[in-house]
Amino acid sequence: MTLPKEPLPPFLAEPSKLGQEISVTGKWIPAKQGGLFRKSAESKEMLKEWEDIHADAKADAGVLSTEINHAVGEDAVLVHHVFKDHDALVNYFSTTATRHMGALTEVAKPELHLIRGLSIPAPVREALLAKNVPGVFGELLFGYVRDDYKRPDQETAIMVTAKWTCRPGVASHMEDLKYWWQRVGTEAHSIEEGLLRFEAYQVIGEDALIIHETFRSSDVLKFHLTKGTAEKYKKDIDKVATPEAYFFRGPVSWTIRTYSKFLHLPATYSSHGSAFTQPGGSMSDGTTA
């Protein structure tokens, strides 16, 4: 089924201010899992190694933001970086990442990484894939950002980054997937004022989208999942695509974790960990000036 294509409303079609910034959000797990009540030695070493990487990233002027967030309810970390531009990312992976990769991969394994920006040139893709990090690369299709890109309160805000992959066998599914997420963004703009950022990125080389959203608080996210656009359109989206990963960063309440399970989202939740943002912030996570 091919759904009717609708023009983008002006707020979804406004030129983005992301510039050349690139965001990377990904998951790492220890090479050896611990027991129910005790983490493995590899888990402890993984966290230590990521704290060392975090310290080096803070000293890199090309890294605008860096986070090392401990997963809730599982033995993992969610890492998030915002790079100033393409060259900054390539330089980081050829220096900091190279220095630490040997020690890190002795105790940990990378899972899916979601990389997004206005455009993702080949050298960026090659820099990540050369480290054997499983990643997908998304280029911005449409979206909106409220409050003139001002960074939300990090004590309450929740960032959600997800990948949706089309079901195989039907050529029209990709256009249908875009249609339904356009409907989500269009309606959320008017009925979900606390959804501060909504962006859809088309994945390079496959029929899939990366969706990135920023919610002002858990209450806003709860409304989104139970009464808002997620609740309204989830069944329609499920007909054409499947969620491959959902990364939640921020103070996610247990009720949110329950609701997202009802929606069958393959979610990883994380609490606030070590975080650093360069003065002025970024367009990707929000400005602080």
C-alpha atoms as a PDB file:
ATOM      1  CA  MET A   1       0.000   0.000   0.000  1.00  0.00           C
ATOM      2  CA  THR A   2       1.349   3.421  -0.966  1.00  0.00           C
ATOM      3  CA  LEU A   3      -0.041   6.227   1.171  1.00  0.00           C
ATOM      4  CA  PRO A   4      -0.726   9.676  -0.295  1.00  0.00           C
ATOM      5  CA  LYS A   5       2.309  11.938  -0.088  1.00  0.00           C
ATOM      6  CA  GLU A   6       1.664  15.169   1.780  1.00  0.00           C
ATOM      7  CA  PRO A   7       3.703  18.378   1.627  1.00  0.00           C
ATOM      8  CA  LEU A   8       5.775  19.094   4.711  1.00  0.00           C
ATOM      9  CA  PRO A   9       4.280  21.736   6.999  1.00  0.00           C
ATOM     10  CA  PRO A  10       6.522  24.826   7.258  1.00  0.00           C
ATOM     11  CA  PHE A  11       7.858  23.921  10.718  1.00  0.00           C
ATOM     12  CA  LEU A  12       9.107  20.529   9.487  1.00  0.00           C
ATOM     13  CA  ALA A  13      10.627  22.028   6.348  1.00  0.00           C
ATOM     14  CA  GLU A  14      12.596  24.865   7.975  1.00  0.00           C
ATOM     15  CA  PRO A  15      16.333  24.721   7.202  1.00  0.00           C
ATOM     16  CA  SER A  16      18.192  23.008  10.022  1.00  0.00           C
ATOM     17  CA  LYS A  17      20.894  24.760  12.038  1.00  0.00           C
ATOM     18  CA  LEU A  18      22.888  21.553  12.567  1.00  0.00           C
ATOM     19  CA  GLY A  19      25.557  22.680  10.118  1.00  0.00           C
ATOM     20  CA  GLN A  20      28.358  20.122   9.890  1.00  0.00           C
ATOM     21  CA  GLU A  21      27.824  18.675  13.378  1.00  0.00           C
ATOM     22  CA  ILE A  22      27.600  14.881  13.659  1.00  0.00           C
ATOM     23  CA  SER A  23      26.104  12.982  16.594  1.00  0.00           C
ATOM     24  CA  VAL A  24      27.002   9.415  17.554  1.00  0.00           C
ATOM     25  CA  THR A  25      24.882   7.459  20.042  1.00  0.00           C
ATOM     26  CA  GLY A  26      25.748   3.829  20.701  1.00  0.00           C
ATOM     27  CA  LYS A  27      25.766   0.925  23.103  1.00  0.00           C
ATOM     28  CA  TRP A  28      28.602  -1.171  24.564  1.00  0.00           C
ATOM     29  CA  ILE A  29      28.309  -4.329  26.635  1.00  0.00           C
ATOM     30  CA  PRO A  30      30.996  -6.207  28.600  1.00  0.00           C
ATOM     31  CA  ALA A  31      32.692  -9.104  26.814  1.00  0.00           C
ATOM     32  CA  LYS A  32      31.646 -11.301  29.718  1.00  0.00           C
ATOM     33  CA  GLN A  33      28.374 -10.671  31.519  1.00  0.00           C
ATOM     34  CA  GLY A  34      28.187 -10.795  35.302  1.00  0.00           C
ATOM     35  CA  GLY A  35      25.591 -12.492  37.471  1.00  0.00           C
ATOM     36  CA  LEU A  36      22.288 -11.141  38.706  1.00  0.00           C
ATOM     37  CA  PHE A  37      23.774  -9.312  41.672  1.00  0.00           C
ATOM     38  CA  ARG A  38      27.434  -8.999  40.728  1.00  0.00           C
ATOM     39  CA  LYS A  39      29.054  -7.398  37.731  1.00  0.00           C
ATOM     40  CA  SER A  40      31.875  -9.161  35.925  1.00  0.00           C
ATOM     41  CA  ALA A  41      35.462  -7.940  36.024  1.00  0.00           C
ATOM     42  CA  GLU A  42      35.072  -7.064  32.334  1.00  0.00           C
ATOM     43  CA  SER A  43      32.109  -4.831  33.166  1.00  0.00           C
ATOM     44  CA  LYS A  44      34.130  -2.872  35.715  1.00  0.00           C
ATOM     45  CA  GLU A  45      37.047  -2.548  33.306  1.00  0.00           C
ATOM     46  CA  MET A  46      34.675  -1.414  30.531  1.00  0.00           C
ATOM     47  CA  LEU A  47      33.367   1.410  32.707  1.00  0.00           C
ATOM     48  CA  LYS A  48      36.887   2.406  33.726  1.00  0.00           C
ATOM     49  CA  GLU A  49      38.042   2.451  30.107  1.00  0.00           C
ATOM     50  CA  TRP A  50      35.091   4.587  29.042  1.00  0.00           C
ATOM     51  CA  GLU A  51      35.830   7.067  31.827  1.00  0.00           C
ATOM     52  CA  ASP A  52      39.385   7.333  30.471  1.00  0.00           C
ATOM     53  CA  ILE A  53      38.015   7.897  26.957  1.00  0.00           C
ATOM     54  CA  HIS A  54      35.631  10.515  28.351  1.00  0.00           C
ATOM     55  CA  ALA A  55      38.543  12.393  29.927  1.00  0.00           C
ATOM     56  CA  ASP A  56      40.411  12.468  26.606  1.00  0.00           C
ATOM     57  CA  ALA A  57      37.274  13.516  24.698  1.00  0.00           C
ATOM     58  CA  LYS A  58      36.774  16.481  27.036  1.00  0.00           C
ATOM     59  CA  ALA A  59      40.213  17.757  26.042  1.00  0.00           C
ATOM     60  CA  ASP A  60      39.403  17.557  22.322  1.00  0.00           C
ATOM     61  CA  ALA A  61      38.136  20.896  20.998  1.00  0.00           C
ATOM     62  CA  GLY A  62      36.379  19.075  18.167  1.00  0.00           C
ATOM     63  CA  VAL A  63      34.144  17.161  20.597  1.00  0.00           C
ATOM     64  CA  LEU A  64      31.298  19.514  21.512  1.00  0.00           C
ATOM     65  CA  SER A  65      29.612  17.082  23.894  1.00  0.00           C
ATOM     66  CA  THR A  66      30.389  13.689  25.415  1.00  0.00           C
ATOM     67  CA  GLU A  67      28.371  11.419  27.710  1.00  0.00           C
ATOM     68  CA  ILE A  68      29.007   8.039  29.328  1.00  0.00           C
ATOM     69  CA  ASN A  69      25.662   6.826  30.676  1.00  0.00           C
ATOM     70  CA  HIS A  70      25.208   3.640  32.714  1.00  0.00           C
ATOM     71  CA  ALA A  71      22.365   1.442  31.515  1.00  0.00           C
ATOM     72  CA  VAL A  72      19.485   0.730  33.895  1.00  0.00           C
ATOM     73  CA  GLY A  73      18.498  -2.900  34.338  1.00  0.00           C
ATOM     74  CA  GLU A  74      21.292  -4.359  32.208  1.00  0.00           C
ATOM     75  CA  ASP A  75      25.067  -4.497  32.081  1.00  0.00           C
ATOM     76  CA  ALA A  76      25.848  -1.880  29.419  1.00  0.00           C
ATOM     77  CA  VAL A  77      26.714   1.746  28.737  1.00  0.00           C
ATOM     78  CA  LEU A  78      25.168   4.203  26.325  1.00  0.00           C
ATOM     79  CA  VAL A  79      27.736   6.600  24.907  1.00  0.00           C
ATOM     80  CA  HIS A  80      26.948   9.825  23.118  1.00  0.00           C
ATOM     81  CA  HIS A  81      29.242  12.278  21.339  1.00  0.00           C
ATOM     82  CA  VAL A  82      28.630  15.400  19.279  1.00  0.00           C
ATOM     83  CA  PHE A  83      31.431  16.381  16.908  1.00  0.00           C
ATOM     84  CA  LYS A  84      31.959  19.898  15.566  1.00  0.00           C
ATOM     85  CA  ASP A  85      32.285  18.716  11.976  1.00  0.00           C
ATOM     86  CA  HIS A  86      33.355  15.834   9.739  1.00  0.00           C
ATOM     87  CA  ASP A  87      37.075  16.476  10.228  1.00  0.00           C
ATOM     88  CA  ALA A  88      36.700  16.525  14.023  1.00  0.00           C
ATOM     89  CA  LEU A  89      35.069  13.091  13.988  1.00  0.00           C
ATOM     90  CA  VAL A  90      37.694  11.593  11.695  1.00  0.00           C
ATOM     91  CA  ASN A  91      40.469  13.073  13.854  1.00  0.00           C
ATOM     92  CA  TYR A  92      38.891  11.685  17.046  1.00  0.00           C
ATOM     93  CA  PHE A  93      38.656   8.165  15.649  1.00  0.00           C
ATOM     94  CA  SER A  94      42.221   8.282  14.339  1.00  0.00           C
ATOM     95  CA  THR A  95      43.635   9.507  17.677  1.00  0.00           C
ATOM     96  CA  THR A  96      41.591   9.055  20.881  1.00  0.00           C
ATOM     97  CA  ALA A  97      39.568   6.076  19.654  1.00  0.00           C
ATOM     98  CA  THR A  98      42.675   4.397  18.229  1.00  0.00           C
ATOM     99  CA  ARG A  99      44.601   4.794  21.506  1.00  0.00           C
ATOM    100  CA  HIS A 100      41.852   3.182  23.550  1.00  0.00           C
ATOM    101  CA  MET A 101      40.335   0.662  21.142  1.00  0.00           C
ATOM    102  CA  GLY A 102      42.688  -2.216  21.971  1.00  0.00           C
ATOM    103  CA  ALA A 103      42.137  -2.042  25.728  1.00  0.00           C
ATOM    104  CA  LEU A 104      38.407  -1.405  25.320  1.00  0.00           C
ATOM    105  CA  THR A 105      37.724  -4.340  22.992  1.00  0.00           C
ATOM    106  CA  GLU A 106      39.553  -6.713  25.341  1.00  0.00           C
ATOM    107  CA  VAL A 107      36.760  -6.211  27.882  1.00  0.00           C
ATOM    108  CA  ALA A 108      33.781  -4.921  25.873  1.00  0.00           C
ATOM    109  CA  LYS A 109      31.828  -5.328  22.643  1.00  0.00           C
ATOM    110  CA  PRO A 110      30.119  -2.617  20.598  1.00  0.00           C
ATOM    111  CA  GLU A 111      26.482  -2.957  19.676  1.00  0.00           C
ATOM    112  CA  LEU A 112      24.519  -0.720  17.314  1.00  0.00           C
ATOM    113  CA  HIS A 113      25.625   2.915  16.938  1.00  0.00           C
ATOM    114  CA  LEU A 114      23.308   5.522  15.396  1.00  0.00           C
ATOM    115  CA  ILE A 115      25.164   8.300  13.575  1.00  0.00           C
ATOM    116  CA  ARG A 116      23.267  11.325  12.305  1.00  0.00           C
ATOM    117  CA  GLY A 117      23.788  14.714  10.713  1.00  0.00           C
ATOM    118  CA  LEU A 118      22.738  16.897   7.814  1.00  0.00           C
ATOM    119  CA  SER A 119      25.108  14.871   5.665  1.00  0.00           C
ATOM    120  CA  ILE A 120      27.480  11.989   6.411  1.00  0.00           C
ATOM    121  CA  PRO A 121      30.363  11.916   3.912  1.00  0.00           C
ATOM    122  CA  ALA A 122      32.254   8.741   3.072  1.00  0.00           C
ATOM    123  CA  PRO A 123      35.352   9.512   5.235  1.00  0.00           C
ATOM    124  CA  VAL A 124      33.124   9.663   8.330  1.00  0.00           C
ATOM    125  CA  ARG A 125      31.527   6.317   7.564  1.00  0.00           C
ATOM    126  CA  GLU A 126      34.925   4.774   6.867  1.00  0.00           C
ATOM    127  CA  ALA A 127      36.412   6.117  10.127  1.00  0.00           C
ATOM    128  CA  LEU A 128      33.766   4.383  12.245  1.00  0.00           C
ATOM    129  CA  LEU A 129      33.518   1.162  10.300  1.00  0.00           C
ATOM    130  CA  ALA A 130      37.311   0.807  10.369  1.00  0.00           C
ATOM    131  CA  LYS A 131      37.006   0.333  14.152  1.00  0.00           C
ATOM    132  CA  ASN A 132      34.570  -2.578  13.623  1.00  0.00           C
ATOM    133  CA  VAL A 133      31.790  -0.605  15.267  1.00  0.00           C
ATOM    134  CA  PRO A 134      28.357  -1.643  13.941  1.00  0.00           C
ATOM    135  CA  GLY A 135      26.838   1.626  12.859  1.00  0.00           C
ATOM    136  CA  VAL A 136      24.163   3.103  10.614  1.00  0.00           C
ATOM    137  CA  PHE A 137      24.337   6.601   9.194  1.00  0.00           C
ATOM    138  CA  GLY A 138      21.334   8.882   8.838  1.00  0.00           C
ATOM    139  CA  GLU A 139      20.954  12.161   6.946  1.00  0.00           C
ATOM    140  CA  LEU A 140      18.253  14.628   7.984  1.00  0.00           C
ATOM    141  CA  LEU A 141      14.922  14.387   6.161  1.00  0.00           C
ATOM    142  CA  PHE A 142      12.732  16.725   8.222  1.00  0.00           C
ATOM    143  CA  GLY A 143      12.160  17.913  11.752  1.00  0.00           C
ATOM    144  CA  TYR A 144      11.698  20.786  14.148  1.00  0.00           C
ATOM    145  CA  VAL A 145      13.460  22.179  17.213  1.00  0.00           C
ATOM    146  CA  ARG A 146      11.676  24.445  19.683  1.00  0.00           C
ATOM    147  CA  ASP A 147      13.100  27.285  21.798  1.00  0.00           C
ATOM    148  CA  ASP A 148      15.607  28.315  19.111  1.00  0.00           C
ATOM    149  CA  TYR A 149      17.812  25.266  19.817  1.00  0.00           C
ATOM    150  CA  LYS A 150      18.254  26.125  23.496  1.00  0.00           C
ATOM    151  CA  ARG A 151      19.504  23.162  25.514  1.00  0.00           C
ATOM    152  CA  PRO A 152      16.795  21.735  27.793  1.00  0.00           C
ATOM    153  CA  ASP A 153      17.201  21.193  31.525  1.00  0.00           C
ATOM    154  CA  GLN A 154      19.440  18.125  31.794  1.00  0.00           C
ATOM    155  CA  GLU A 155      17.995  17.261  35.203  1.00  0.00           C
ATOM    156  CA  THR A 156      14.614  16.457  33.646  1.00  0.00           C
ATOM    157  CA  ALA A 157      15.009  16.108  29.862  1.00  0.00           C
ATOM    158  CA  ILE A 158      14.950  12.695  28.171  1.00  0.00           C
ATOM    159  CA  MET A 159      16.569  12.081  24.794  1.00  0.00           C
ATOM    160  CA  VAL A 160      15.336   9.176  22.673  1.00  0.00           C
ATOM    161  CA  THR A 161      17.206   7.931  19.592  1.00  0.00           C
ATOM    162  CA  ALA A 162      15.787   4.995  17.656  1.00  0.00           C
ATOM    163  CA  LYS A 163      16.093   3.033  14.442  1.00  0.00           C
ATOM    164  CA  TRP A 164      13.096   1.763  12.477  1.00  0.00           C
ATOM    165  CA  THR A 165      13.750  -0.700   9.633  1.00  0.00           C
ATOM    166  CA  CYS A 166      11.230  -1.442   6.891  1.00  0.00           C
ATOM    167  CA  ARG A 167       9.704  -4.891   6.675  1.00  0.00           C
ATOM    168  CA  PRO A 168      11.132  -6.697   3.641  1.00  0.00           C
ATOM    169  CA  GLY A 169       9.379  -7.491   0.394  1.00  0.00           C
ATOM    170  CA  VAL A 170       7.299  -4.380  -0.310  1.00  0.00           C
ATOM    171  CA  ALA A 171       8.908  -1.501  -2.187  1.00  0.00           C
ATOM    172  CA  SER A 172       6.413   1.091  -0.929  1.00  0.00           C
ATOM    173  CA  HIS A 173       7.196   0.527   2.745  1.00  0.00           C
ATOM    174  CA  MET A 174       9.934   3.178   2.827  1.00  0.00           C
ATOM    175  CA  GLU A 175       7.633   5.916   1.569  1.00  0.00           C
ATOM    176  CA  ASP A 176       4.932   4.729   3.950  1.00  0.00           C
ATOM    177  CA  LEU A 177       7.379   4.833   6.861  1.00  0.00           C
ATOM    178  CA  LYS A 178       8.290   8.417   6.009  1.00  0.00           C
ATOM    179  CA  TYR A 179       4.593   9.278   5.749  1.00  0.00           C
ATOM    180  CA  TRP A 180       3.722   7.954   9.203  1.00  0.00           C
ATOM    181  CA  TRP A 181       6.667   9.650  10.903  1.00  0.00           C
ATOM    182  CA  GLN A 182       5.750  12.875   9.136  1.00  0.00           C
ATOM    183  CA  ARG A 183       2.285  12.489  10.653  1.00  0.00           C
ATOM    184  CA  VAL A 184       3.869  11.991  14.102  1.00  0.00           C
ATOM    185  CA  GLY A 185       5.943  15.164  13.770  1.00  0.00           C
ATOM    186  CA  THR A 186       3.087  17.204  12.337  1.00  0.00           C
ATOM    187  CA  GLU A 187       0.623  16.391  15.106  1.00  0.00           C
ATOM    188  CA  ALA A 188       3.178  16.368  17.922  1.00  0.00           C
ATOM    189  CA  HIS A 189       4.095  19.954  17.080  1.00  0.00           C
ATOM    190  CA  SER A 190       0.612  21.093  18.075  1.00  0.00           C
ATOM    191  CA  ILE A 191      -0.462  18.647  20.816  1.00  0.00           C
ATOM    192  CA  GLU A 192       2.850  17.813  22.529  1.00  0.00           C
ATOM    193  CA  GLU A 193       4.456  21.116  23.472  1.00  0.00           C
ATOM    194  CA  GLY A 194       6.974  19.328  25.666  1.00  0.00           C
ATOM    195  CA  LEU A 195       8.375  17.404  22.700  1.00  0.00           C
ATOM    196  CA  LEU A 196      11.159  19.915  22.193  1.00  0.00           C
ATOM    197  CA  ARG A 197      12.977  18.263  19.284  1.00  0.00           C
ATOM    198  CA  PHE A 198      11.738  15.886  16.615  1.00  0.00           C
ATOM    199  CA  GLU A 199      14.019  14.775  13.758  1.00  0.00           C
ATOM    200  CA  ALA A 200      13.785  12.020  11.146  1.00  0.00           C
ATOM    201  CA  TYR A 201      16.938  10.865   9.351  1.00  0.00           C
ATOM    202  CA  GLN A 202      17.077   8.560   6.342  1.00  0.00           C
ATOM    203  CA  VAL A 203      19.599   5.763   6.793  1.00  0.00           C
ATOM    204  CA  ILE A 204      22.170   5.520   4.016  1.00  0.00           C
ATOM    205  CA  GLY A 205      22.093   2.253   2.091  1.00  0.00           C
ATOM    206  CA  GLU A 206      18.994   0.659   3.617  1.00  0.00           C
ATOM    207  CA  ASP A 207      15.262   1.202   3.973  1.00  0.00           C
ATOM    208  CA  ALA A 208      15.266   2.601   7.477  1.00  0.00           C
ATOM    209  CA  LEU A 209      14.926   5.789   9.513  1.00  0.00           C
ATOM    210  CA  ILE A 210      16.679   7.114  12.594  1.00  0.00           C
ATOM    211  CA  ILE A 211      14.275   9.059  14.799  1.00  0.00           C
ATOM    212  CA  HIS A 212      15.603  11.462  17.417  1.00  0.00           C
ATOM    213  CA  GLU A 213      13.353  13.130  19.997  1.00  0.00           C
ATOM    214  CA  THR A 214      13.926  15.274  23.085  1.00  0.00           C
ATOM    215  CA  PHE A 215      11.243  15.435  25.776  1.00  0.00           C
ATOM    216  CA  ARG A 216      11.151  18.099  28.462  1.00  0.00           C
ATOM    217  CA  SER A 217      10.356  15.574  31.219  1.00  0.00           C
ATOM    218  CA  SER A 218       9.116  12.083  32.041  1.00  0.00           C
ATOM    219  CA  ASP A 219       5.550  13.382  32.207  1.00  0.00           C
ATOM    220  CA  VAL A 220       5.804  14.638  28.625  1.00  0.00           C
ATOM    221  CA  LEU A 221       7.222  11.321  27.460  1.00  0.00           C
ATOM    222  CA  LYS A 222       4.496   9.455  29.355  1.00  0.00           C
ATOM    223  CA  PHE A 223       1.824  11.437  27.501  1.00  0.00           C
ATOM    224  CA  HIS A 224       3.578  10.759  24.191  1.00  0.00           C
ATOM    225  CA  LEU A 225       3.560   7.000  24.809  1.00  0.00           C
ATOM    226  CA  THR A 226       0.067   6.671  26.284  1.00  0.00           C
ATOM    227  CA  LYS A 227      -2.119   9.394  24.779  1.00  0.00           C
ATOM    228  CA  GLY A 228      -0.008  11.213  22.211  1.00  0.00           C
ATOM    229  CA  THR A 229       1.339  10.500  18.757  1.00  0.00           C
ATOM    230  CA  ALA A 230       3.269   7.359  19.714  1.00  0.00           C
ATOM    231  CA  GLU A 231       0.090   5.731  20.969  1.00  0.00           C
ATOM    232  CA  LYS A 232      -1.883   6.975  17.946  1.00  0.00           C
ATOM    233  CA  TYR A 233       0.469   5.889  15.157  1.00  0.00           C
ATOM    234  CA  LYS A 234       2.446   2.949  16.563  1.00  0.00           C
ATOM    235  CA  LYS A 235       0.138   0.327  15.002  1.00  0.00           C
ATOM    236  CA  ASP A 236       0.349   2.015  11.585  1.00  0.00           C
ATOM    237  CA  ILE A 237       4.139   2.186  11.736  1.00  0.00           C
ATOM    238  CA  ASP A 238       4.322  -1.450  12.866  1.00  0.00           C
ATOM    239  CA  LYS A 239       2.631  -2.524   9.636  1.00  0.00           C
ATOM    240  CA  VAL A 240       5.543  -1.293   7.521  1.00  0.00           C
ATOM    241  CA  ALA A 241       8.577  -1.377   9.833  1.00  0.00           C
ATOM    242  CA  THR A 242      10.086  -2.864  12.978  1.00  0.00           C
ATOM    243  CA  PRO A 243      12.001  -1.038  15.726  1.00  0.00           C
ATOM    244  CA  GLU A 244      15.598  -2.245  15.841  1.00  0.00           C
ATOM    245  CA  ALA A 245      16.845  -0.167  18.783  1.00  0.00           C
ATOM    246  CA  TYR A 246      15.599   2.491  21.192  1.00  0.00           C
ATOM    247  CA  PHE A 247      18.143   4.403  23.273  1.00  0.00           C
ATOM    248  CA  PHE A 248      16.746   6.444  26.193  1.00  0.00           C
ATOM    249  CA  ARG A 249      19.164   8.923  27.820  1.00  0.00           C
ATOM    250  CA  GLY A 250      18.104  10.787  30.931  1.00  0.00           C
ATOM    251  CA  PRO A 251      16.057  10.283  34.114  1.00  0.00           C
ATOM    252  CA  VAL A 252      13.569   7.741  32.738  1.00  0.00           C
ATOM    253  CA  SER A 253      11.012   6.787  35.387  1.00  0.00           C
ATOM    254  CA  TRP A 254       9.959   3.182  35.974  1.00  0.00           C
ATOM    255  CA  THR A 255       6.513   4.027  34.580  1.00  0.00           C
ATOM    256  CA  ILE A 256       8.096   5.031  31.261  1.00  0.00           C
ATOM    257  CA  ARG A 257       9.991   1.761  31.157  1.00  0.00           C
ATOM    258  CA  THR A 258       6.700  -0.060  31.709  1.00  0.00           C
ATOM    259  CA  TYR A 259       4.830   1.840  28.993  1.00  0.00           C
ATOM    260  CA  SER A 260       7.598   1.360  26.434  1.00  0.00           C
ATOM    261  CA  LYS A 261       7.514  -2.379  27.118  1.00  0.00           C
ATOM    262  CA  PHE A 262       3.771  -2.376  26.391  1.00  0.00           C
ATOM    263  CA  LEU A 263       4.649  -0.840  23.004  1.00  0.00           C
ATOM    264  CA  HIS A 264       7.239  -3.607  22.430  1.00  0.00           C
ATOM    265  CA  LEU A 265      10.133  -1.184  21.997  1.00  0.00           C
ATOM    266  CA  PRO A 266      13.630  -2.787  22.151  1.00  0.00           C
ATOM    267  CA  ALA A 267      14.741  -0.208  24.670  1.00  0.00           C
ATOM    268  CA  THR A 268      17.960   0.501  26.521  1.00  0.00           C
ATOM    269  CA  TYR A 269      17.532   2.972  29.391  1.00  0.00           C
ATOM    270  CA  SER A 270      20.337   4.886  31.018  1.00  0.00           C
ATOM    271  CA  SER A 271      20.820   7.165  33.983  1.00  0.00           C
ATOM    272  CA  HIS A 272      22.926  10.299  33.991  1.00  0.00           C
ATOM    273  CA  GLY A 273      26.621   9.454  33.965  1.00  0.00           C
ATOM    274  CA  SER A 274      29.741  11.445  33.232  1.00  0.00           C
ATOM    275  CA  ALA A 275      28.903  14.309  30.893  1.00  0.00           C
ATOM    276  CA  PHE A 276      30.696  17.310  29.452  1.00  0.00           C
ATOM    277  CA  THR A 277      29.640  20.052  27.037  1.00  0.00           C
ATOM    278  CA  GLN A 278      31.898  22.682  25.527  1.00  0.00           C
ATOM    279  CA  PRO A 279      31.004  26.316  26.332  1.00  0.00           C
ATOM    280  CA  GLY A 280      28.155  27.358  24.097  1.00  0.00           C
ATOM    281  CA  GLY A 281      26.862  23.823  23.627  1.00  0.00           C
ATOM    282  CA  SER A 282      25.880  22.530  20.195  1.00  0.00           C
ATOM    283  CA  MET A 283      23.021  22.674  17.729  1.00  0.00           C
ATOM    284  CA  SER A 284      22.644  18.896  18.024  1.00  0.00           C
ATOM    285  CA  ASP A 285      22.078  18.766  21.800  1.00  0.00           C
ATOM    286  CA  GLY A 286      21.187  22.419  22.374  1.00  0.00           C
ATOM    287  CA  THR A 287      22.992  25.691  22.951  1.00  0.00           C
ATOM    288  CA  THR A 288      23.967  27.000  26.370  1.00  0.00           C
ATOM    289  CA  ALA A 289      25.025  30.565  25.544  1.00  0.00           C
END
